[in-house]
């Protein structure tokens, strides 16, 4: 069954007094456990698409179904609960909390949910992304690549049913990027989690079961 589906989604922004279309009838269905890469040129609206998929941006029309629930018919609080419990999001610009250490940032979703041993589980996941030596460092003391790995660990700590990543390896060297990609696909398989990622990296896109291209506001299948 579909974990996430977009049905004829339209989205536009206002700029300089005019409406600028971003999505123009975008449709996509992704099954539970499937991995899908979204490709396309810069400025084509890929990040906006991810925001719509996760309920952070409301489309002008169309429907987004998450596990059978019409996401944008839910209240702001309900959408936030769904993201907290079932969706892991890796943003391109990290969105870490500067006043929290790496371990505290990663543990935050479990702390909010009242889960046991949040700090211990955070330390284990940070070790998996190669940051065991950075547990108690703050984001401003880390490199961009290290912050990206903290953000990845935070997005995955609650073993989400849907993992969404915006250029997850874009700020990493090749070796670290490969390790991060390996972790994403390991969790995709281990947890039967759906994985949707935006990437400019053809090698990373090729690791997904399917690729779709965002072109002129619509999603088109990429032939293998």
C-alpha atoms as a PDB file:
ATOM      1  CA  UNK A   1       0.000   0.000   0.000  1.00  0.00           C
ATOM      2  CA  UNK A   2       1.032   3.599  -0.485  1.00  0.00           C
ATOM      3  CA  UNK A   3       2.774   5.229   2.452  1.00  0.00           C
ATOM      4  CA  UNK A   4       2.591   8.665   0.824  1.00  0.00           C
ATOM      5  CA  UNK A   5       0.715   9.911  -2.236  1.00  0.00           C
ATOM      6  CA  UNK A   6       0.321  13.248  -3.974  1.00  0.00           C
ATOM      7  CA  UNK A   7      -2.740  13.670  -6.146  1.00  0.00           C
ATOM      8  CA  UNK A   8      -2.751  16.573  -8.632  1.00  0.00           C
ATOM      9  CA  UNK A   9      -0.971  18.961  -6.262  1.00  0.00           C
ATOM     10  CA  UNK A  10      -0.647  22.615  -7.221  1.00  0.00           C
ATOM     11  CA  UNK A  11       1.487  25.147  -5.344  1.00  0.00           C
ATOM     12  CA  UNK A  12       2.418  28.714  -6.180  1.00  0.00           C
ATOM     13  CA  UNK A  13       4.124  31.567  -4.378  1.00  0.00           C
ATOM     14  CA  UNK A  14       3.591  35.294  -4.655  1.00  0.00           C
ATOM     15  CA  UNK A  15       6.629  37.260  -5.794  1.00  0.00           C
ATOM     16  CA  UNK A  16       6.827  40.878  -6.960  1.00  0.00           C
ATOM     17  CA  UNK A  17       3.057  41.072  -7.142  1.00  0.00           C
ATOM     18  CA  UNK A  18       2.578  38.011  -9.319  1.00  0.00           C
ATOM     19  CA  UNK A  19       1.919  34.331  -8.783  1.00  0.00           C
ATOM     20  CA  UNK A  20       4.849  32.019  -9.496  1.00  0.00           C
ATOM     21  CA  UNK A  21       3.862  28.364 -10.026  1.00  0.00           C
ATOM     22  CA  UNK A  22       6.049  25.733  -8.363  1.00  0.00           C
ATOM     23  CA  UNK A  23       3.963  22.559  -8.609  1.00  0.00           C
ATOM     24  CA  UNK A  24       1.469  22.233 -11.440  1.00  0.00           C
ATOM     25  CA  UNK A  25      -0.456  19.027 -11.009  1.00  0.00           C
ATOM     26  CA  UNK A  26       2.265  16.946  -9.366  1.00  0.00           C
ATOM     27  CA  UNK A  27       1.249  13.362  -8.625  1.00  0.00           C
ATOM     28  CA  UNK A  28       3.278  10.597  -7.012  1.00  0.00           C
ATOM     29  CA  UNK A  29       2.594   7.401  -5.070  1.00  0.00           C
ATOM     30  CA  UNK A  30       5.308   5.766  -2.959  1.00  0.00           C
ATOM     31  CA  UNK A  31       4.793   2.379  -1.321  1.00  0.00           C
ATOM     32  CA  UNK A  32       5.769   1.393   2.189  1.00  0.00           C
ATOM     33  CA  UNK A  33       9.427   0.407   2.223  1.00  0.00           C
ATOM     34  CA  UNK A  34      10.152   1.850  -1.214  1.00  0.00           C
ATOM     35  CA  UNK A  35      13.060   4.193  -1.933  1.00  0.00           C
ATOM     36  CA  UNK A  36      12.556   7.029  -4.429  1.00  0.00           C
ATOM     37  CA  UNK A  37      14.950   9.737  -5.622  1.00  0.00           C
ATOM     38  CA  UNK A  38      13.586  13.076  -6.801  1.00  0.00           C
ATOM     39  CA  UNK A  39      15.887  14.760  -9.282  1.00  0.00           C
ATOM     40  CA  UNK A  40      15.739  17.981 -11.270  1.00  0.00           C
ATOM     41  CA  UNK A  41      17.611  21.255 -11.752  1.00  0.00           C
ATOM     42  CA  UNK A  42      18.119  23.815  -9.007  1.00  0.00           C
ATOM     43  CA  UNK A  43      15.069  26.014  -8.623  1.00  0.00           C
ATOM     44  CA  UNK A  44      12.659  23.426  -9.965  1.00  0.00           C
ATOM     45  CA  UNK A  45      10.799  23.188  -6.650  1.00  0.00           C
ATOM     46  CA  UNK A  46      12.182  19.974  -5.162  1.00  0.00           C
ATOM     47  CA  UNK A  47      12.499  21.372  -1.636  1.00  0.00           C
ATOM     48  CA  UNK A  48       8.986  22.844  -1.840  1.00  0.00           C
ATOM     49  CA  UNK A  49       7.756  19.415  -2.873  1.00  0.00           C
ATOM     50  CA  UNK A  50       9.300  17.867   0.240  1.00  0.00           C
ATOM     51  CA  UNK A  51       7.683  20.535   2.418  1.00  0.00           C
ATOM     52  CA  UNK A  52       4.284  19.693   0.926  1.00  0.00           C
ATOM     53  CA  UNK A  53       4.914  15.963   1.373  1.00  0.00           C
ATOM     54  CA  UNK A  54       5.587  16.415   5.092  1.00  0.00           C
ATOM     55  CA  UNK A  55       2.780  18.870   5.830  1.00  0.00           C
ATOM     56  CA  UNK A  56       5.064  21.847   6.371  1.00  0.00           C
ATOM     57  CA  UNK A  57       3.697  23.657   3.299  1.00  0.00           C
ATOM     58  CA  UNK A  58       0.032  23.716   2.293  1.00  0.00           C
ATOM     59  CA  UNK A  59      -0.709  23.312  -1.421  1.00  0.00           C
ATOM     60  CA  UNK A  60      -3.167  25.539  -3.238  1.00  0.00           C
ATOM     61  CA  UNK A  61      -5.079  22.483  -4.394  1.00  0.00           C
ATOM     62  CA  UNK A  62      -4.762  18.722  -4.628  1.00  0.00           C
ATOM     63  CA  UNK A  63      -4.347  16.123  -1.909  1.00  0.00           C
ATOM     64  CA  UNK A  64      -1.475  14.618   0.072  1.00  0.00           C
ATOM     65  CA  UNK A  65      -2.301  11.262   1.631  1.00  0.00           C
ATOM     66  CA  UNK A  66      -0.006   9.989   4.374  1.00  0.00           C
ATOM     67  CA  UNK A  67      -0.772   6.398   5.333  1.00  0.00           C
ATOM     68  CA  UNK A  68      -4.324   6.960   4.110  1.00  0.00           C
ATOM     69  CA  UNK A  69      -4.831  10.242   6.001  1.00  0.00           C
ATOM     70  CA  UNK A  70      -5.388  13.486   4.077  1.00  0.00           C
ATOM     71  CA  UNK A  71      -2.523  15.411   5.622  1.00  0.00           C
ATOM     72  CA  UNK A  72      -3.650  18.961   4.955  1.00  0.00           C
ATOM     73  CA  UNK A  73      -7.138  18.394   6.313  1.00  0.00           C
ATOM     74  CA  UNK A  74      -5.555  17.856   9.732  1.00  0.00           C
ATOM     75  CA  UNK A  75      -4.916  20.603  12.246  1.00  0.00           C
ATOM     76  CA  UNK A  76      -1.467  22.116  12.684  1.00  0.00           C
ATOM     77  CA  UNK A  77      -1.045  20.167  15.934  1.00  0.00           C
ATOM     78  CA  UNK A  78      -2.044  16.854  14.386  1.00  0.00           C
ATOM     79  CA  UNK A  79       0.381  17.367  11.483  1.00  0.00           C
ATOM     80  CA  UNK A  80       3.123  18.164  14.009  1.00  0.00           C
ATOM     81  CA  UNK A  81       2.327  14.953  15.909  1.00  0.00           C
ATOM     82  CA  UNK A  82       2.520  12.914  12.684  1.00  0.00           C
ATOM     83  CA  UNK A  83       5.919  14.393  11.878  1.00  0.00           C
ATOM     84  CA  UNK A  84       7.154  13.770  15.420  1.00  0.00           C
ATOM     85  CA  UNK A  85       6.033  10.154  15.507  1.00  0.00           C
ATOM     86  CA  UNK A  86       6.233   8.905  11.924  1.00  0.00           C
ATOM     87  CA  UNK A  87       8.363  11.173   9.713  1.00  0.00           C
ATOM     88  CA  UNK A  88      12.092  11.861   9.788  1.00  0.00           C
ATOM     89  CA  UNK A  89      13.207  14.966   7.867  1.00  0.00           C
ATOM     90  CA  UNK A  90      16.785  15.869   6.970  1.00  0.00           C
ATOM     91  CA  UNK A  91      16.857  19.528   5.948  1.00  0.00           C
ATOM     92  CA  UNK A  92      19.575  20.886   3.700  1.00  0.00           C
ATOM     93  CA  UNK A  93      20.349  23.655   6.217  1.00  0.00           C
ATOM     94  CA  UNK A  94      20.302  21.358   9.289  1.00  0.00           C
ATOM     95  CA  UNK A  95      17.888  23.245  11.633  1.00  0.00           C
ATOM     96  CA  UNK A  96      19.888  22.224  14.703  1.00  0.00           C
ATOM     97  CA  UNK A  97      19.329  24.011  18.016  1.00  0.00           C
ATOM     98  CA  UNK A  98      22.497  25.956  18.764  1.00  0.00           C
ATOM     99  CA  UNK A  99      22.075  25.820  22.554  1.00  0.00           C
ATOM    100  CA  UNK A 100      21.967  21.999  22.598  1.00  0.00           C
ATOM    101  CA  UNK A 101      24.861  19.582  22.201  1.00  0.00           C
ATOM    102  CA  UNK A 102      24.940  17.015  19.423  1.00  0.00           C
ATOM    103  CA  UNK A 103      23.611  14.349  21.791  1.00  0.00           C
ATOM    104  CA  UNK A 104      20.853  16.653  23.062  1.00  0.00           C
ATOM    105  CA  UNK A 105      19.826  17.640  19.523  1.00  0.00           C
ATOM    106  CA  UNK A 106      19.555  14.012  18.458  1.00  0.00           C
ATOM    107  CA  UNK A 107      17.712  12.958  21.621  1.00  0.00           C
ATOM    108  CA  UNK A 108      15.186  15.805  21.351  1.00  0.00           C
ATOM    109  CA  UNK A 109      12.453  13.914  19.418  1.00  0.00           C
ATOM    110  CA  UNK A 110      12.559  11.098  21.982  1.00  0.00           C
ATOM    111  CA  UNK A 111      12.629  13.569  24.884  1.00  0.00           C
ATOM    112  CA  UNK A 112       9.512  15.266  23.511  1.00  0.00           C
ATOM    113  CA  UNK A 113       7.797  11.890  23.142  1.00  0.00           C
ATOM    114  CA  UNK A 114       8.773  10.890  26.691  1.00  0.00           C
ATOM    115  CA  UNK A 115      10.765   7.860  25.523  1.00  0.00           C
ATOM    116  CA  UNK A 116      13.197   6.012  27.776  1.00  0.00           C
ATOM    117  CA  UNK A 117      16.982   6.254  27.433  1.00  0.00           C
ATOM    118  CA  UNK A 118      16.844   9.025  24.845  1.00  0.00           C
ATOM    119  CA  UNK A 119      20.430  10.153  25.487  1.00  0.00           C
ATOM    120  CA  UNK A 120      21.803   6.625  25.273  1.00  0.00           C
ATOM    121  CA  UNK A 121      20.034   5.933  21.996  1.00  0.00           C
ATOM    122  CA  UNK A 122      21.259   9.271  20.666  1.00  0.00           C
ATOM    123  CA  UNK A 123      24.847   8.365  21.498  1.00  0.00           C
ATOM    124  CA  UNK A 124      24.510   5.027  19.703  1.00  0.00           C
ATOM    125  CA  UNK A 125      23.191   6.644  16.531  1.00  0.00           C
ATOM    126  CA  UNK A 126      25.849   9.384  16.590  1.00  0.00           C
ATOM    127  CA  UNK A 127      28.449   6.634  16.780  1.00  0.00           C
ATOM    128  CA  UNK A 128      26.916   5.044  13.668  1.00  0.00           C
ATOM    129  CA  UNK A 129      27.422   8.314  11.747  1.00  0.00           C
ATOM    130  CA  UNK A 130      31.003   8.652  12.988  1.00  0.00           C
ATOM    131  CA  UNK A 131      30.465  11.286  15.668  1.00  0.00           C
ATOM    132  CA  UNK A 132      31.139   9.379  18.893  1.00  0.00           C
ATOM    133  CA  UNK A 133      33.848  11.960  19.662  1.00  0.00           C
ATOM    134  CA  UNK A 134      31.421  14.880  19.232  1.00  0.00           C
ATOM    135  CA  UNK A 135      28.597  13.926  21.605  1.00  0.00           C
ATOM    136  CA  UNK A 136      28.925  16.951  23.865  1.00  0.00           C
ATOM    137  CA  UNK A 137      29.954  19.544  21.281  1.00  0.00           C
ATOM    138  CA  UNK A 138      27.628  22.337  20.182  1.00  0.00           C
ATOM    139  CA  UNK A 139      26.703  22.931  16.523  1.00  0.00           C
ATOM    140  CA  UNK A 140      28.785  26.113  16.210  1.00  0.00           C
ATOM    141  CA  UNK A 141      31.888  24.063  17.084  1.00  0.00           C
ATOM    142  CA  UNK A 142      31.256  21.589  14.263  1.00  0.00           C
ATOM    143  CA  UNK A 143      31.928  21.579  10.541  1.00  0.00           C
ATOM    144  CA  UNK A 144      29.071  21.642   8.045  1.00  0.00           C
ATOM    145  CA  UNK A 145      29.506  17.942   7.397  1.00  0.00           C
ATOM    146  CA  UNK A 146      29.360  17.131  11.097  1.00  0.00           C
ATOM    147  CA  UNK A 147      26.208  19.209  11.532  1.00  0.00           C
ATOM    148  CA  UNK A 148      24.665  17.369   8.595  1.00  0.00           C
ATOM    149  CA  UNK A 149      25.344  14.024  10.282  1.00  0.00           C
ATOM    150  CA  UNK A 150      23.836  15.266  13.566  1.00  0.00           C
ATOM    151  CA  UNK A 151      20.735  16.360  11.651  1.00  0.00           C
ATOM    152  CA  UNK A 152      20.545  12.952   9.992  1.00  0.00           C
ATOM    153  CA  UNK A 153      20.827  11.136  13.314  1.00  0.00           C
ATOM    154  CA  UNK A 154      18.097  13.320  14.833  1.00  0.00           C
ATOM    155  CA  UNK A 155      15.787  12.594  11.878  1.00  0.00           C
ATOM    156  CA  UNK A 156      16.255   8.842  12.195  1.00  0.00           C
ATOM    157  CA  UNK A 157      16.346   8.288  15.956  1.00  0.00           C
ATOM    158  CA  UNK A 158      12.634   7.508  16.296  1.00  0.00           C
ATOM    159  CA  UNK A 159      12.771   4.971  13.434  1.00  0.00           C
ATOM    160  CA  UNK A 160      10.248   6.867  11.293  1.00  0.00           C
ATOM    161  CA  UNK A 161       7.920   5.162   8.826  1.00  0.00           C
ATOM    162  CA  UNK A 162       8.833   7.843   6.257  1.00  0.00           C
ATOM    163  CA  UNK A 163      12.330   9.265   5.849  1.00  0.00           C
ATOM    164  CA  UNK A 164      12.653  12.446   3.758  1.00  0.00           C
ATOM    165  CA  UNK A 165      16.065  13.906   2.953  1.00  0.00           C
ATOM    166  CA  UNK A 166      17.003  17.061   1.065  1.00  0.00           C
ATOM    167  CA  UNK A 167      20.509  16.615  -0.416  1.00  0.00           C
ATOM    168  CA  UNK A 168      21.589  14.403   2.522  1.00  0.00           C
ATOM    169  CA  UNK A 169      25.183  14.029   1.268  1.00  0.00           C
ATOM    170  CA  UNK A 170      25.566  17.443  -0.341  1.00  0.00           C
ATOM    171  CA  UNK A 171      27.844  18.889   2.357  1.00  0.00           C
ATOM    172  CA  UNK A 172      29.905  15.766   2.973  1.00  0.00           C
ATOM    173  CA  UNK A 173      33.161  14.407   1.604  1.00  0.00           C
ATOM    174  CA  UNK A 174      32.897  11.243  -0.483  1.00  0.00           C
ATOM    175  CA  UNK A 175      33.769   8.814   2.307  1.00  0.00           C
ATOM    176  CA  UNK A 176      31.399  10.354   4.850  1.00  0.00           C
ATOM    177  CA  UNK A 177      28.694  10.796   2.218  1.00  0.00           C
ATOM    178  CA  UNK A 178      28.889   7.100   1.370  1.00  0.00           C
ATOM    179  CA  UNK A 179      28.602   6.191   5.064  1.00  0.00           C
ATOM    180  CA  UNK A 180      25.555   8.432   5.509  1.00  0.00           C
ATOM    181  CA  UNK A 181      23.921   6.990   2.391  1.00  0.00           C
ATOM    182  CA  UNK A 182      24.627   3.469   3.654  1.00  0.00           C
ATOM    183  CA  UNK A 183      22.860   4.321   6.920  1.00  0.00           C
ATOM    184  CA  UNK A 184      19.801   5.702   5.121  1.00  0.00           C
ATOM    185  CA  UNK A 185      19.416   2.587   3.009  1.00  0.00           C
ATOM    186  CA  UNK A 186      20.146   0.275   5.962  1.00  0.00           C
ATOM    187  CA  UNK A 187      17.297   1.840   7.924  1.00  0.00           C
ATOM    188  CA  UNK A 188      15.120   1.777   4.825  1.00  0.00           C
ATOM    189  CA  UNK A 189      15.583  -2.009   4.721  1.00  0.00           C
ATOM    190  CA  UNK A 190      15.744  -2.775   8.459  1.00  0.00           C
ATOM    191  CA  UNK A 191      12.592  -0.855   9.368  1.00  0.00           C
ATOM    192  CA  UNK A 192      10.700  -1.278   6.076  1.00  0.00           C
ATOM    193  CA  UNK A 193      10.659   2.513   6.038  1.00  0.00           C
ATOM    194  CA  UNK A 194       9.806   4.578   2.995  1.00  0.00           C
ATOM    195  CA  UNK A 195      12.707   6.729   1.790  1.00  0.00           C
ATOM    196  CA  UNK A 196      12.280   9.820  -0.393  1.00  0.00           C
ATOM    197  CA  UNK A 197      15.362  11.869  -1.126  1.00  0.00           C
ATOM    198  CA  UNK A 198      16.240  14.873  -3.240  1.00  0.00           C
ATOM    199  CA  UNK A 199      19.686  14.724  -4.747  1.00  0.00           C
ATOM    200  CA  UNK A 200      21.902  16.066  -7.522  1.00  0.00           C
ATOM    201  CA  UNK A 201      24.192  13.043  -7.127  1.00  0.00           C
ATOM    202  CA  UNK A 202      23.495  10.491  -9.897  1.00  0.00           C
ATOM    203  CA  UNK A 203      25.227   7.717  -7.935  1.00  0.00           C
ATOM    204  CA  UNK A 204      23.024   8.304  -4.878  1.00  0.00           C
ATOM    205  CA  UNK A 205      19.882   8.535  -7.004  1.00  0.00           C
ATOM    206  CA  UNK A 206      20.798   5.261  -8.697  1.00  0.00           C
ATOM    207  CA  UNK A 207      20.773   3.461  -5.334  1.00  0.00           C
ATOM    208  CA  UNK A 208      17.041   4.110  -5.038  1.00  0.00           C
ATOM    209  CA  UNK A 209      14.523   1.670  -6.467  1.00  0.00           C
ATOM    210  CA  UNK A 210      12.958   4.425  -8.542  1.00  0.00           C
ATOM    211  CA  UNK A 211      13.773   7.925  -9.793  1.00  0.00           C
ATOM    212  CA  UNK A 212      11.347  10.712 -10.693  1.00  0.00           C
ATOM    213  CA  UNK A 213      12.180  14.065 -12.242  1.00  0.00           C
ATOM    214  CA  UNK A 214      10.481  17.300 -11.238  1.00  0.00           C
ATOM    215  CA  UNK A 215      10.070  19.230 -14.478  1.00  0.00           C
ATOM    216  CA  UNK A 216       7.873  22.296 -15.012  1.00  0.00           C
ATOM    217  CA  UNK A 217       5.897  21.516 -11.893  1.00  0.00           C
ATOM    218  CA  UNK A 218       5.095  17.889 -12.631  1.00  0.00           C
ATOM    219  CA  UNK A 219       6.746  14.607 -11.660  1.00  0.00           C
ATOM    220  CA  UNK A 220       7.879  12.378 -14.489  1.00  0.00           C
ATOM    221  CA  UNK A 221       9.298   8.830 -14.200  1.00  0.00           C
ATOM    222  CA  UNK A 222      12.942   8.340 -15.125  1.00  0.00           C
ATOM    223  CA  UNK A 223      13.510   5.291 -17.266  1.00  0.00           C
ATOM    224  CA  UNK A 224      16.234   3.002 -15.924  1.00  0.00           C
END
